[in-house]
PDB file of N, CA and C in Angstrom:
ATOM      1  N   MET A   1     -13.756   8.645   0.174  1.00  0.00           N
ATOM      2  CA  MET A   1     -13.149   8.212   1.415  1.00  0.00           C
ATOM      3  C   MET A   1     -11.719   7.725   1.148  1.00  0.00           C
ATOM      4  N   THR A   2     -10.806   8.143   1.954  1.00  0.00           N
ATOM      5  CA  THR A   2      -9.398   7.764   1.833  1.00  0.00           C
ATOM      6  C   THR A   2      -9.158   6.432   2.536  1.00  0.00           C
ATOM      7  N   ILE A   3      -8.316   5.607   1.931  1.00  0.00           N
ATOM      8  CA  ILE A   3      -8.005   4.324   2.560  1.00  0.00           C
ATOM      9  C   ILE A   3      -7.122   4.550   3.782  1.00  0.00           C
ATOM     10  N   SER A   4      -7.164   3.590   4.689  1.00  0.00           N
ATOM     11  CA  SER A   4      -6.360   3.694   5.907  1.00  0.00           C
ATOM     12  C   SER A   4      -4.887   3.439   5.584  1.00  0.00           C
ATOM     13  N   LYS A   5      -4.021   3.818   6.496  1.00  0.00           N
ATOM     14  CA  LYS A   5      -2.594   3.587   6.342  1.00  0.00           C
ATOM     15  C   LYS A   5      -2.305   2.096   6.229  1.00  0.00           C
ATOM     16  N   ARG A   6      -2.991   1.298   7.027  1.00  0.00           N
ATOM     17  CA  ARG A   6      -2.817  -0.160   6.997  1.00  0.00           C
ATOM     18  C   ARG A   6      -3.227  -0.720   5.637  1.00  0.00           C
ATOM     19  N   GLU A   7      -4.371  -0.265   5.124  1.00  0.00           N
ATOM     20  CA  GLU A   7      -4.840  -0.746   3.820  1.00  0.00           C
ATOM     21  C   GLU A   7      -3.895  -0.299   2.705  1.00  0.00           C
ATOM     22  N   ALA A   8      -3.386   0.918   2.791  1.00  0.00           N
ATOM     23  CA  ALA A   8      -2.441   1.415   1.790  1.00  0.00           C
ATOM     24  C   ALA A   8      -1.182   0.558   1.777  1.00  0.00           C
ATOM     25  N   LYS A   9      -0.695   0.217   2.973  1.00  0.00           N
ATOM     26  CA  LYS A   9       0.497  -0.618   3.080  1.00  0.00           C
ATOM     27  C   LYS A   9       0.239  -2.001   2.484  1.00  0.00           C
ATOM     28  N   GLU A  10      -0.907  -2.575   2.761  1.00  0.00           N
ATOM     29  CA  GLU A  10      -1.256  -3.887   2.227  1.00  0.00           C
ATOM     30  C   GLU A  10      -1.363  -3.843   0.698  1.00  0.00           C
ATOM     31  N   ARG A  11      -1.977  -2.798   0.181  1.00  0.00           N
ATOM     32  CA  ARG A  11      -2.085  -2.656  -1.273  1.00  0.00           C
ATOM     33  C   ARG A  11      -0.709  -2.492  -1.907  1.00  0.00           C
ATOM     34  N   ALA A  12       0.162  -1.731  -1.252  1.00  0.00           N
ATOM     35  CA  ALA A  12       1.515  -1.550  -1.767  1.00  0.00           C
ATOM     36  C   ALA A  12       2.263  -2.882  -1.800  1.00  0.00           C
ATOM     37  N   LYS A  13       2.102  -3.690  -0.758  1.00  0.00           N
ATOM     38  CA  LYS A  13       2.734  -5.014  -0.737  1.00  0.00           C
ATOM     39  C   LYS A  13       2.198  -5.885  -1.866  1.00  0.00           C
ATOM     40  N   ASN A  14       0.899  -5.871  -2.063  1.00  0.00           N
ATOM     41  CA  ASN A  14       0.267  -6.683  -3.106  1.00  0.00           C
ATOM     42  C   ASN A  14       0.678  -6.248  -4.509  1.00  0.00           C
ATOM     43  N   ASN A  15       1.001  -4.981  -4.664  1.00  0.00           N
ATOM     44  CA  ASN A  15       1.364  -4.427  -5.972  1.00  0.00           C
ATOM     45  C   ASN A  15       2.850  -4.103  -6.072  1.00  0.00           C
ATOM     46  N   TRP A  16       3.651  -4.744  -5.198  1.00  0.00           N
ATOM     47  CA  TRP A  16       5.070  -4.418  -5.130  1.00  0.00           C
ATOM     48  C   TRP A  16       5.769  -4.575  -6.473  1.00  0.00           C
ATOM     49  N   ARG A  17       5.419  -5.558  -7.291  1.00  0.00           N
ATOM     50  CA  ARG A  17       6.107  -5.760  -8.571  1.00  0.00           C
ATOM     51  C   ARG A  17       5.981  -4.542  -9.474  1.00  0.00           C
ATOM     52  N   TYR A  18       4.916  -3.762  -9.295  1.00  0.00           N
ATOM     53  CA  TYR A  18       4.758  -2.512 -10.050  1.00  0.00           C
ATOM     54  C   TYR A  18       5.511  -1.368  -9.365  1.00  0.00           C
ATOM     55  N   TRP A  19       5.312  -1.235  -8.065  1.00  0.00           N
ATOM     56  CA  TRP A  19       5.955  -0.143  -7.313  1.00  0.00           C
ATOM     57  C   TRP A  19       7.467  -0.243  -7.378  1.00  0.00           C
ATOM     58  N   ARG A  20       7.977  -1.466  -7.343  1.00  0.00           N
ATOM     59  CA  ARG A  20       9.430  -1.676  -7.405  1.00  0.00           C
ATOM     60  C   ARG A  20      10.011  -1.048  -8.663  1.00  0.00           C
ATOM     61  N   LEU A  21       9.320  -1.231  -9.783  1.00  0.00           N
ATOM     62  CA  LEU A  21       9.794  -0.653 -11.043  1.00  0.00           C
ATOM     63  C   LEU A  21       9.667   0.868 -11.043  1.00  0.00           C
ATOM     64  N   LEU A  22       8.578   1.375 -10.503  1.00  0.00           N
ATOM     65  CA  LEU A  22       8.393   2.828 -10.438  1.00  0.00           C
ATOM     66  C   LEU A  22       9.454   3.490  -9.567  1.00  0.00           C
ATOM     67  N   LEU A  23       9.831   2.832  -8.482  1.00  0.00           N
ATOM     68  CA  LEU A  23      10.767   3.410  -7.533  1.00  0.00           C
ATOM     69  C   LEU A  23      12.230   3.155  -7.896  1.00  0.00           C
ATOM     70  N   SER A  24      12.461   2.321  -8.902  1.00  0.00           N
ATOM     71  CA  SER A  24      13.830   2.024  -9.313  1.00  0.00           C
ATOM     72  C   SER A  24      14.384   3.170 -10.155  1.00  0.00           C
ATOM     73  N   ASP A  25      15.660   3.045 -10.512  1.00  0.00           N
ATOM     74  CA  ASP A  25      16.276   4.062 -11.356  1.00  0.00           C
ATOM     75  C   ASP A  25      16.141   3.735 -12.842  1.00  0.00           C
ATOM     76  N   MET A  26      15.175   2.886 -13.185  1.00  0.00           N
ATOM     77  CA  MET A  26      14.959   2.484 -14.573  1.00  0.00           C
ATOM     78  C   MET A  26      14.117   3.497 -15.354  1.00  0.00           C
ATOM     79  N   HIS A  27      13.610   4.491 -14.685  1.00  0.00           N
ATOM     80  CA  HIS A  27      12.809   5.547 -15.319  1.00  0.00           C
ATOM     81  C   HIS A  27      11.563   4.995 -16.020  1.00  0.00           C
ATOM     82  N   ILE A  28      10.917   4.045 -15.387  1.00  0.00           N
ATOM     83  CA  ILE A  28       9.640   3.535 -15.890  1.00  0.00           C
ATOM     84  C   ILE A  28       8.532   4.350 -15.235  1.00  0.00           C
ATOM     85  N   SER A  29       7.648   4.881 -16.038  1.00  0.00           N
ATOM     86  CA  SER A  29       6.568   5.725 -15.520  1.00  0.00           C
ATOM     87  C   SER A  29       5.311   4.891 -15.262  1.00  0.00           C
ATOM     88  N   TYR A  30       4.373   5.510 -14.584  1.00  0.00           N
ATOM     89  CA  TYR A  30       3.083   4.863 -14.338  1.00  0.00           C
ATOM     90  C   TYR A  30       2.409   4.559 -15.676  1.00  0.00           C
ATOM     91  N   SER A  31       2.524   5.480 -16.622  1.00  0.00           N
ATOM     92  CA  SER A  31       1.945   5.267 -17.957  1.00  0.00           C
ATOM     93  C   SER A  31       2.596   4.080 -18.660  1.00  0.00           C
ATOM     94  N   ASP A  32       3.916   3.950 -18.500  1.00  0.00           N
ATOM     95  CA  ASP A  32       4.610   2.801 -19.079  1.00  0.00           C
ATOM     96  C   ASP A  32       4.064   1.506 -18.498  1.00  0.00           C
ATOM     97  N   LEU A  33       3.926   1.473 -17.181  1.00  0.00           N
ATOM     98  CA  LEU A  33       3.418   0.271 -16.524  1.00  0.00           C
ATOM     99  C   LEU A  33       2.017  -0.077 -16.982  1.00  0.00           C
ATOM    100  N   ASP A  34       1.216   0.945 -17.207  1.00  0.00           N
ATOM    101  CA  ASP A  34      -0.169   0.734 -17.627  1.00  0.00           C
ATOM    102  C   ASP A  34      -0.244   0.040 -18.988  1.00  0.00           C
ATOM    103  N   LYS A  35       0.773   0.235 -19.812  1.00  0.00           N
ATOM    104  CA  LYS A  35       0.811  -0.358 -21.154  1.00  0.00           C
ATOM    105  C   LYS A  35       1.401  -1.768 -21.144  1.00  0.00           C
ATOM    106  N   MET A  36       2.029  -2.159 -20.036  1.00  0.00           N
ATOM    107  CA  MET A  36       2.719  -3.448 -19.965  1.00  0.00           C
ATOM    108  C   MET A  36       1.784  -4.557 -19.489  1.00  0.00           C
ATOM    109  N   ASP A  37       1.969  -5.757 -20.057  1.00  0.00           N
ATOM    110  CA  ASP A  37       1.207  -6.899 -19.559  1.00  0.00           C
ATOM    111  C   ASP A  37       2.022  -7.605 -18.477  1.00  0.00           C
ATOM    112  N   ASP A  38       1.462  -8.671 -17.911  1.00  0.00           N
ATOM    113  CA  ASP A  38       2.122  -9.366 -16.802  1.00  0.00           C
ATOM    114  C   ASP A  38       3.496  -9.911 -17.192  1.00  0.00           C
ATOM    115  N   ASP A  39       3.639 -10.387 -18.432  1.00  0.00           N
ATOM    116  CA  ASP A  39       4.931 -10.894 -18.887  1.00  0.00           C
ATOM    117  C   ASP A  39       5.961  -9.765 -18.968  1.00  0.00           C
ATOM    118  N   ASP A  40       5.538  -8.604 -19.450  1.00  0.00           N
ATOM    119  CA  ASP A  40       6.433  -7.448 -19.516  1.00  0.00           C
ATOM    120  C   ASP A  40       6.889  -7.030 -18.118  1.00  0.00           C
ATOM    121  N   ILE A  41       5.956  -7.033 -17.164  1.00  0.00           N
ATOM    122  CA  ILE A  41       6.277  -6.659 -15.784  1.00  0.00           C
ATOM    123  C   ILE A  41       7.285  -7.651 -15.200  1.00  0.00           C
ATOM    124  N   ALA A  42       7.048  -8.934 -15.432  1.00  0.00           N
ATOM    125  CA  ALA A  42       7.959  -9.966 -14.926  1.00  0.00           C
ATOM    126  C   ALA A  42       9.344  -9.804 -15.556  1.00  0.00           C
ATOM    127  N   GLU A  43       9.386  -9.549 -16.854  1.00  0.00           N
ATOM    128  CA  GLU A  43      10.672  -9.375 -17.529  1.00  0.00           C
ATOM    129  C   GLU A  43      11.402  -8.129 -17.025  1.00  0.00           C
ATOM    130  N   ALA A  44      10.691  -7.047 -16.834  1.00  0.00           N
ATOM    131  CA  ALA A  44      11.305  -5.814 -16.328  1.00  0.00           C
ATOM    132  C   ALA A  44      11.867  -6.025 -14.927  1.00  0.00           C
ATOM    133  N   ASN A  45      11.153  -6.751 -14.078  1.00  0.00           N
ATOM    134  CA  ASN A  45      11.658  -7.045 -12.733  1.00  0.00           C
ATOM    135  C   ASN A  45      12.885  -7.958 -12.801  1.00  0.00           C
ATOM    136  N   ALA A  46      12.892  -8.921 -13.717  1.00  0.00           N
ATOM    137  CA  ALA A  46      14.063  -9.783 -13.883  1.00  0.00           C
ATOM    138  C   ALA A  46      15.255  -8.967 -14.367  1.00  0.00           C
ATOM    139  N   ALA A  47      15.017  -8.040 -15.289  1.00  0.00           N
ATOM    140  CA  ALA A  47      16.094  -7.172 -15.774  1.00  0.00           C
ATOM    141  C   ALA A  47      16.638  -6.306 -14.643  1.00  0.00           C
ATOM    142  N   LEU A  48      15.745  -5.813 -13.791  1.00  0.00           N
ATOM    143  CA  LEU A  48      16.185  -5.012 -12.648  1.00  0.00           C
ATOM    144  C   LEU A  48      17.034  -5.855 -11.702  1.00  0.00           C
ATOM    145  N   ASP A  49      16.634  -7.092 -11.460  1.00  0.00           N
ATOM    146  CA  ASP A  49      17.432  -7.994 -10.615  1.00  0.00           C
ATOM    147  C   ASP A  49      18.832  -8.193 -11.201  1.00  0.00           C
ATOM    148  N   ILE A  50      18.910  -8.412 -12.518  1.00  0.00           N
ATOM    149  CA  ILE A  50      20.199  -8.592 -13.180  1.00  0.00           C
ATOM    150  C   ILE A  50      21.045  -7.333 -13.031  1.00  0.00           C
ATOM    151  N   HIS A  51      20.436  -6.187 -13.256  1.00  0.00           N
ATOM    152  CA  HIS A  51      21.135  -4.903 -13.148  1.00  0.00           C
ATOM    153  C   HIS A  51      21.687  -4.686 -11.736  1.00  0.00           C
ATOM    154  N   ILE A  52      20.891  -4.962 -10.742  1.00  0.00           N
ATOM    155  CA  ILE A  52      21.326  -4.807  -9.348  1.00  0.00           C
ATOM    156  C   ILE A  52      22.495  -5.736  -9.056  1.00  0.00           C
ATOM    157  N   LYS A  53      22.408  -6.984  -9.521  1.00  0.00           N
ATOM    158  CA  LYS A  53      23.488  -7.950  -9.304  1.00  0.00           C
ATOM    159  C   LYS A  53      24.771  -7.491  -9.988  1.00  0.00           C
ATOM    160  N   GLN A  54      24.661  -6.958 -11.192  1.00  0.00           N
ATOM    161  CA  GLN A  54      25.835  -6.457 -11.905  1.00  0.00           C
ATOM    162  C   GLN A  54      26.483  -5.300 -11.147  1.00  0.00           C
ATOM    163  N   GLN A  55      25.655  -4.414 -10.599  1.00  0.00           N
ATOM    164  CA  GLN A  55      26.188  -3.294  -9.824  1.00  0.00           C
ATOM    165  C   GLN A  55      26.900  -3.791  -8.565  1.00  0.00           C
ATOM    166  N   GLU A  56      26.304  -4.767  -7.891  1.00  0.00           N
ATOM    167  CA  GLU A  56      26.924  -5.332  -6.691  1.00  0.00           C
ATOM    168  C   GLU A  56      28.254  -5.985  -7.030  1.00  0.00           C
ATOM    169  N   ASN A  57      28.313  -6.721  -8.132  1.00  0.00           N
ATOM    170  CA  ASN A  57      29.554  -7.379  -8.552  1.00  0.00           C
ATOM    171  C   ASN A  57      30.632  -6.358  -8.911  1.00  0.00           C
ATOM    172  N   ALA A  58      30.234  -5.275  -9.563  1.00  0.00           N
ATOM    173  CA  ALA A  58      31.181  -4.222  -9.926  1.00  0.00           C
ATOM    174  C   ALA A  58      31.741  -3.552  -8.675  1.00  0.00           C
ATOM    175  N   GLN A  59      30.889  -3.350  -7.680  1.00  0.00           N
ATOM    176  CA  GLN A  59      31.346  -2.739  -6.430  1.00  0.00           C
ATOM    177  C   GLN A  59      32.330  -3.662  -5.713  1.00  0.00           C
ATOM    178  N   LYS A  60      32.052  -4.947  -5.698  1.00  0.00           N
ATOM    179  CA  LYS A  60      32.956  -5.926  -5.078  1.00  0.00           C
ATOM    180  C   LYS A  60      34.296  -5.941  -5.797  1.00  0.00           C
ATOM    181  N   LYS A  61      34.222  -5.902  -7.124  1.00  0.00           N
ATOM    182  CA  LYS A  61      35.428  -5.940  -7.941  1.00  0.00           C
ATOM    183  C   LYS A  61      36.294  -4.705  -7.691  1.00  0.00           C
ATOM    184  N   ASN A  62      35.645  -3.580  -7.465  1.00  0.00           N
ATOM    185  CA  ASN A  62      36.364  -2.330  -7.234  1.00  0.00           C
ATOM    186  C   ASN A  62      36.700  -2.117  -5.763  1.00  0.00           C
ATOM    187  N   GLY A  63      36.375  -3.086  -4.934  1.00  0.00           N
ATOM    188  CA  GLY A  63      36.734  -3.019  -3.517  1.00  0.00           C
ATOM    189  C   GLY A  63      35.914  -2.051  -2.704  1.00  0.00           C
ATOM    190  N   LYS A  64      34.714  -1.754  -3.124  1.00  0.00           N
ATOM    191  CA  LYS A  64      33.860  -0.817  -2.372  1.00  0.00           C
ATOM    192  C   LYS A  64      32.897  -1.558  -1.493  1.00  0.00           C
TER     193      LYS A  64
END
């Protein structure tokens, strides 16, 4: 049985810390995530936050 659209959305929200990494440009695969523990996931998300902030600062600096 397939889950409902509502349930899928709720599961995606609950697992956002994983999906965020999969959907980012960090090239982390599902297999990579499967090997990571909670600390690794938290660190990867923190690194992504830093990377995004650096990109935003570079764009501001370049007047974009």
